Amino acid sequence: MGLDQENPRAVAVCMLKGGVGKSTVAVNLARQLAAHDHDVLLIDLDPNGHASTGLGFDDEYHDTSESIGDTFFEEVDPDSVIYETGFNFDLLPSSEDLEQVEREIVVGDVFQPSALLKREIVDPLLGDEYDYIVTDSPAYRSRLTDNALVATGNLVLPLAPGNEAMTGLERTIERQIAPLRKHMDVDVLALVPNMLRGRIDQQTQDRQLLERLNAHDSLQDRIPNFARVTAWDAVDDGELNPSPGIRDRTSITKAYGERMPLLDYDPDCDQLKCFDELAHIVEVGEVVRDE
């Protein structure tokens, strides 16, 4: 569609919990949006830099001479630290000194410190150069995470099975989203069960996560079709797909090791349909139910 996109949108992939596959979702969401013929920028705002190194930008991550942090203080133009990935979307990589940059934001006399990303990067680029901007945010509450949410106003929240899966979601809503909603609109576009390994016709942590998400009336509209379960009896009887959610496929892990998105590593992987639906959700701004 390119720059004639009528409703350009920025989105942050966010969860105040590590180990949920946040960077994997961000990279593959950006790639699928690009596959839909959009101009896409991926911003890696996580000091760990997993999205950047997962695309082969290790040198740029370790090079602190000019980096994303410099754009916050108007020391460099964003275009000078944005790179073509070779996968039809661009990347503004993280930097290993990003935590130091955050400290400077916190202690410095900075005007609207939570709006730096919005003011210096997203607002100037969204709609003019890019149809969609995807931001990979830190897994902890921080000024950087605030910047990601303020700059986008749209969230994709990945969750992985485990005893604290819902706790991470509650923490993200209570500590990060709710305070910002007092001042601006923040829309959760999708809740994404990710890294699932087991069948759900058995009592597994995968099933527990899906049951909790699907049982909440307030969450159901934000669960993608690939993770929506309404007939558990039919699942238990073997009549429905026992493996919803984004599955922990070997191809996803190997794609990261080969420094490329899943679509380019294994275009036949069955999980691409999940990332493709996420791209569609971002395009239209909400989950659209299959008829």
Protein backbone atom coordinates (compact mmCIF):
# COMPACT_ATOMS: atom_id res chain seq x y z
CA MET A 1 0.00 0.00 0.00
CA GLY A 2 2.96 2.30 0.67
CA LEU A 3 2.64 5.91 1.74
CA ASP A 4 -0.94 6.25 0.54
CA GLN A 5 -1.90 4.40 3.74
CA GLU A 6 -4.88 6.36 5.10
CA ASN A 7 -4.39 5.50 8.76
CA PRO A 8 -0.72 5.16 9.64
CA ARG A 9 -0.30 3.58 13.05
CA ALA A 10 2.44 3.13 15.62
CA VAL A 11 2.34 0.16 17.97
CA ALA A 12 4.44 -0.97 20.93
CA VAL A 13 5.09 -4.61 21.81
CA CYS A 14 5.13 -4.47 25.58
CA MET A 15 5.02 -6.67 28.68
CA LEU A 16 6.50 -6.03 32.12
CA LYS A 17 7.93 -9.53 32.26
CA GLY A 18 10.92 -11.06 30.56
CA GLY A 19 11.00 -14.32 28.65
CA VAL A 20 7.70 -13.88 26.78
CA GLY A 21 9.19 -13.63 23.27
CA LYS A 22 8.52 -9.92 22.96
CA SER A 23 11.33 -9.23 20.48
CA THR A 24 10.35 -12.21 18.33
CA VAL A 25 6.80 -10.88 18.10
CA ALA A 26 8.04 -7.37 17.27
CA VAL A 27 10.40 -8.52 14.51
CA ASN A 28 7.88 -10.83 12.87
CA LEU A 29 5.05 -8.31 13.17
CA ALA A 30 7.19 -5.74 11.37
CA ARG A 31 8.09 -8.29 8.70
CA GLN A 32 4.49 -9.30 8.05
CA LEU A 33 3.39 -5.68 7.79
CA ALA A 34 6.15 -5.20 5.23
CA ALA A 35 4.94 -8.31 3.39
CA HIS A 36 1.57 -6.53 3.09
CA ASP A 37 3.38 -3.89 1.03
CA HIS A 38 3.67 -1.28 3.76
CA ASP A 39 6.63 0.93 4.61
CA VAL A 40 7.62 -0.18 8.11
CA LEU A 41 10.10 0.94 10.75
CA LEU A 42 11.05 -1.26 13.72
CA ILE A 43 12.40 0.67 16.71
CA ASP A 44 14.36 -1.36 19.25
CA LEU A 45 13.94 0.54 22.51
CA ASP A 46 15.02 -2.38 24.71
CA PRO A 47 18.55 -1.92 26.13
CA ASN A 48 19.06 -5.69 25.74
CA GLY A 49 18.88 -5.21 21.98
CA HIS A 50 17.47 -8.64 21.15
CA ALA A 51 15.52 -7.38 18.14
CA SER A 52 18.62 -5.63 16.80
CA THR A 53 21.02 -8.53 17.25
CA GLY A 54 18.33 -10.94 16.05
CA LEU A 55 18.44 -9.12 12.72
CA GLY A 56 22.24 -9.12 12.53
CA PHE A 57 22.90 -5.59 13.77
CA ASP A 58 25.37 -6.55 16.48
CA ASP A 59 27.97 -3.97 15.41
CA GLU A 60 25.44 -1.16 15.41
CA TYR A 61 24.22 -2.22 18.86
CA HIS A 62 27.75 -2.06 20.28
CA ASP A 63 28.69 1.16 18.46
CA THR A 64 27.77 4.01 20.79
CA SER A 65 29.27 6.83 18.71
CA GLU A 66 25.87 7.56 17.15
CA SER A 67 22.78 5.75 18.35
CA ILE A 68 19.09 5.98 19.13
CA GLY A 69 19.79 7.83 22.37
CA ASP A 70 21.39 10.70 20.49
CA THR A 71 18.15 11.31 18.62
CA PHE A 72 16.37 11.98 21.91
CA PHE A 73 18.62 14.96 22.57
CA GLU A 74 18.59 16.18 18.96
CA GLU A 75 22.29 15.39 18.57
CA VAL A 76 21.74 13.34 15.40
CA ASP A 77 19.00 13.10 12.83
CA PRO A 78 16.97 9.86 13.14
CA ASP A 79 17.61 9.05 9.47
CA SER A 80 21.34 8.76 10.20
CA VAL A 81 20.83 5.83 12.60
CA ILE A 82 18.07 4.03 10.68
CA TYR A 83 19.17 1.04 8.59
CA GLU A 84 17.66 -1.13 5.89
CA THR A 85 17.39 -4.67 7.23
CA GLY A 86 17.30 -6.44 3.88
CA PHE A 87 13.86 -7.81 4.78
CA ASN A 88 11.75 -4.97 3.35
CA PHE A 89 11.56 -2.97 6.56
CA ASP A 90 13.90 -0.56 8.31
CA LEU A 91 15.41 -0.74 11.79
CA LEU A 92 16.37 1.88 14.35
CA PRO A 93 18.57 -0.37 16.48
CA SER A 94 19.06 -0.33 20.20
CA SER A 95 22.38 0.59 21.76
CA GLU A 96 24.27 -0.92 24.64
CA ASP A 97 24.41 2.53 26.26
CA LEU A 98 20.63 2.95 26.24
CA GLU A 99 20.36 2.40 30.00
CA GLN A 100 22.78 5.29 30.51
CA VAL A 101 20.66 7.38 28.18
CA GLU A 102 17.65 6.57 30.33
CA ARG A 103 19.48 7.74 33.44
CA GLU A 104 20.25 11.01 31.68
CA ILE A 105 16.57 11.41 30.85
CA VAL A 106 15.56 10.78 34.46
CA VAL A 107 18.06 13.11 36.15
CA GLY A 108 18.37 15.72 33.40
CA ASP A 109 16.31 18.82 32.81
CA VAL A 110 14.40 17.32 29.89
CA PHE A 111 11.15 18.78 28.57
CA GLN A 112 8.38 16.14 28.62
CA PRO A 113 10.77 13.22 29.25
CA SER A 114 8.15 10.58 28.40
CA ALA A 115 7.45 12.15 25.01
CA LEU A 116 10.97 12.15 23.53
CA LEU A 117 10.40 9.17 21.23
CA LYS A 118 7.10 10.62 20.05
CA ARG A 119 8.46 14.12 19.49
CA GLU A 120 11.83 13.31 17.93
CA ILE A 121 11.14 10.12 15.95
CA VAL A 122 7.59 8.84 15.66
CA ASP A 123 5.69 12.04 14.88
CA PRO A 124 8.18 13.24 12.23
CA LEU A 125 8.35 9.85 10.48
CA LEU A 126 4.90 8.27 10.80
CA GLY A 127 2.81 8.98 7.75
CA ASP A 128 5.58 10.82 5.91
CA GLU A 129 8.14 8.03 5.62
CA TYR A 130 6.44 5.03 7.21
CA ASP A 131 2.96 3.55 7.23
CA TYR A 132 3.65 1.62 10.44
CA ILE A 133 6.16 1.94 13.25
CA VAL A 134 6.63 -1.05 15.58
CA THR A 135 8.48 -0.50 18.87
CA ASP A 136 10.05 -3.25 20.97
CA SER A 137 9.99 -1.93 24.53
CA PRO A 138 11.84 -2.97 27.71
CA ALA A 139 10.47 -5.72 29.95
CA TYR A 140 10.49 -3.48 33.03
CA ARG A 141 8.82 -0.26 34.07
CA SER A 142 11.00 2.61 32.96
CA ARG A 143 11.10 5.97 31.29
CA LEU A 144 11.92 4.14 28.05
CA THR A 145 8.77 2.03 28.35
CA ASP A 146 6.76 5.18 29.03
CA ASN A 147 8.23 6.64 25.84
CA ALA A 148 7.17 3.59 23.84
CA LEU A 149 3.58 3.81 25.09
CA VAL A 150 3.27 7.58 24.74
CA ALA A 151 4.69 7.49 21.21
CA THR A 152 2.34 4.77 20.00
CA GLY A 153 -0.84 4.59 22.08
CA ASN A 154 -1.41 1.09 20.67
CA LEU A 155 -0.16 -2.07 22.35
CA VAL A 156 0.42 -5.71 21.50
CA LEU A 157 0.94 -7.69 24.71
CA PRO A 158 2.65 -11.11 24.46
CA LEU A 159 2.21 -13.65 27.25
CA ALA A 160 4.03 -16.94 27.74
CA PRO A 161 2.75 -19.93 29.76
CA GLY A 162 3.88 -20.09 33.36
CA ASN A 163 2.83 -19.46 36.92
CA GLU A 164 3.23 -15.68 36.58
CA ALA A 165 1.73 -15.22 33.11
CA MET A 166 -1.37 -13.35 34.25
CA THR A 167 0.60 -11.55 36.95
CA GLY A 168 2.77 -10.01 34.25
CA LEU A 169 -0.33 -8.83 32.40
CA GLU A 170 -1.88 -7.38 35.55
CA ARG A 171 1.39 -5.64 36.41
CA THR A 172 1.60 -4.13 32.93
CA ILE A 173 -1.96 -2.82 33.11
CA GLU A 174 -1.76 -1.50 36.67
CA ARG A 175 1.73 0.00 36.64
CA GLN A 176 2.23 1.08 33.06
CA ILE A 177 -1.04 1.40 31.16
CA ALA A 178 -3.47 2.67 33.81
CA PRO A 179 -1.34 5.67 34.88
CA LEU A 180 -0.94 6.78 31.26
CA ARG A 181 -4.67 6.40 30.57
CA LYS A 182 -5.26 9.31 32.95
CA HIS A 183 -3.59 11.54 30.37
CA MET A 184 -4.03 9.85 26.96
CA ASP A 185 -5.74 7.06 25.07
CA VAL A 186 -3.92 3.73 25.27
CA ASP A 187 -5.46 0.90 23.28
CA VAL A 188 -4.57 -2.77 23.72
CA LEU A 189 -4.90 -4.14 20.19
CA ALA A 190 -4.08 -7.77 20.97
CA LEU A 191 -3.20 -10.17 23.77
CA VAL A 192 -0.87 -12.77 22.28
CA PRO A 193 -0.36 -16.20 23.90
CA ASN A 194 3.18 -16.97 22.75
CA MET A 195 5.77 -19.74 23.07
CA LEU A 196 3.16 -22.45 23.69
CA ARG A 197 4.45 -26.02 23.57
CA GLY A 198 1.75 -28.35 24.84
CA ARG A 199 -1.65 -29.50 23.67
CA ILE A 200 -4.61 -27.96 25.43
CA ASP A 201 -6.70 -31.10 25.59
CA GLN A 202 -4.57 -31.85 28.64
CA GLN A 203 -4.09 -29.88 31.87
CA THR A 204 -0.96 -27.97 30.92
CA GLN A 205 0.28 -24.44 31.61
CA ASP A 206 -0.61 -23.68 28.00
CA ARG A 207 -4.23 -24.56 28.72
CA GLN A 208 -4.27 -22.59 31.95
CA LEU A 209 -3.10 -19.45 30.14
CA LEU A 210 -5.64 -19.82 27.35
CA GLU A 211 -8.47 -20.59 29.77
CA ARG A 212 -7.74 -17.50 31.86
CA LEU A 213 -7.54 -15.20 28.85
CA ASN A 214 -10.61 -16.59 27.12
CA ALA A 215 -12.68 -16.58 30.32
CA HIS A 216 -12.35 -12.81 30.90
CA ASP A 217 -15.19 -10.91 29.24
CA SER A 218 -13.07 -7.75 29.22
CA LEU A 219 -10.22 -9.49 27.38
CA GLN A 220 -12.04 -11.58 24.77
CA ASP A 221 -12.24 -8.85 22.13
CA ARG A 222 -8.46 -8.55 22.22
CA ILE A 223 -7.65 -12.23 21.72
CA PRO A 224 -6.70 -13.02 18.10
CA ASN A 225 -8.60 -15.73 16.27
CA PHE A 226 -5.54 -17.98 16.44
CA ALA A 227 -5.83 -18.00 20.25
CA ARG A 228 -9.59 -17.79 20.74
CA VAL A 229 -11.17 -20.87 22.31
CA THR A 230 -14.91 -21.01 23.04
CA ALA A 231 -15.72 -24.73 23.05
CA TRP A 232 -13.45 -26.50 25.51
CA ASP A 233 -15.57 -29.65 25.47
CA ALA A 234 -15.01 -29.94 21.73
CA VAL A 235 -11.27 -29.52 22.26
CA ASP A 236 -11.27 -32.24 24.91
CA ASP A 237 -13.22 -34.52 22.57
CA GLY A 238 -10.67 -34.00 19.79
CA GLU A 239 -13.09 -32.10 17.56
CA LEU A 240 -11.20 -28.78 17.51
CA ASN A 241 -7.58 -27.73 17.04
CA PRO A 242 -5.76 -28.61 20.28
CA SER A 243 -2.87 -26.23 19.59
CA PRO A 244 -3.98 -22.57 19.46
CA GLY A 245 -1.64 -19.65 20.17
CA ILE A 246 1.80 -19.04 18.72
CA ARG A 247 3.63 -22.33 19.08
CA ASP A 248 7.27 -22.66 20.06
CA ARG A 249 8.44 -24.01 16.70
CA THR A 250 12.07 -24.89 16.01
CA SER A 251 11.94 -22.68 12.92
CA ILE A 252 11.27 -19.60 15.06
CA THR A 253 14.34 -20.30 17.20
CA LYS A 254 16.51 -21.08 14.20
CA ALA A 255 15.36 -17.95 12.37
CA TYR A 256 16.67 -15.85 15.25
CA GLY A 257 19.97 -17.74 15.16
CA GLU A 258 20.24 -17.08 11.44
CA ARG A 259 19.51 -13.39 12.03
CA MET A 260 16.32 -13.20 10.01
CA PRO A 261 12.53 -13.09 10.41
CA LEU A 262 10.54 -16.31 10.26
CA LEU A 263 9.03 -15.51 6.84
CA ASP A 264 12.48 -15.39 5.27
CA TYR A 265 13.88 -18.40 7.10
CA ASP A 266 10.91 -20.76 6.69
CA PRO A 267 8.11 -19.38 4.50
CA ASP A 268 6.19 -22.64 4.98
CA CYS A 269 6.09 -22.51 8.80
CA ASP A 270 2.55 -22.96 10.08
CA GLN A 271 2.99 -20.15 12.63
CA LEU A 272 3.26 -17.44 10.00
CA LYS A 273 -0.52 -17.29 9.92
CA CYS A 274 -0.44 -16.03 13.51
CA PHE A 275 1.96 -13.20 12.74
CA ASP A 276 -0.04 -12.42 9.62
CA GLU A 277 -3.21 -12.02 11.68
CA LEU A 278 -1.33 -9.75 14.09
CA ALA A 279 -0.32 -7.59 11.14
CA HIS A 280 -3.97 -7.39 10.07
CA ILE A 281 -5.00 -6.43 13.60
CA VAL A 282 -2.51 -3.56 13.54
CA GLU A 283 -3.73 -2.50 10.10
CA VAL A 284 -7.39 -2.23 11.11
CA GLY A 285 -6.80 -1.30 14.76
CA GLU A 286 -8.67 -4.20 16.34
CA VAL A 287 -9.27 -7.94 16.30
CA VAL A 288 -11.66 -8.92 13.51
CA ARG A 289 -13.50 -12.17 14.19
CA ASP A 290 -13.55 -14.89 11.55
CA GLU A 291 -17.06 -15.46 10.26
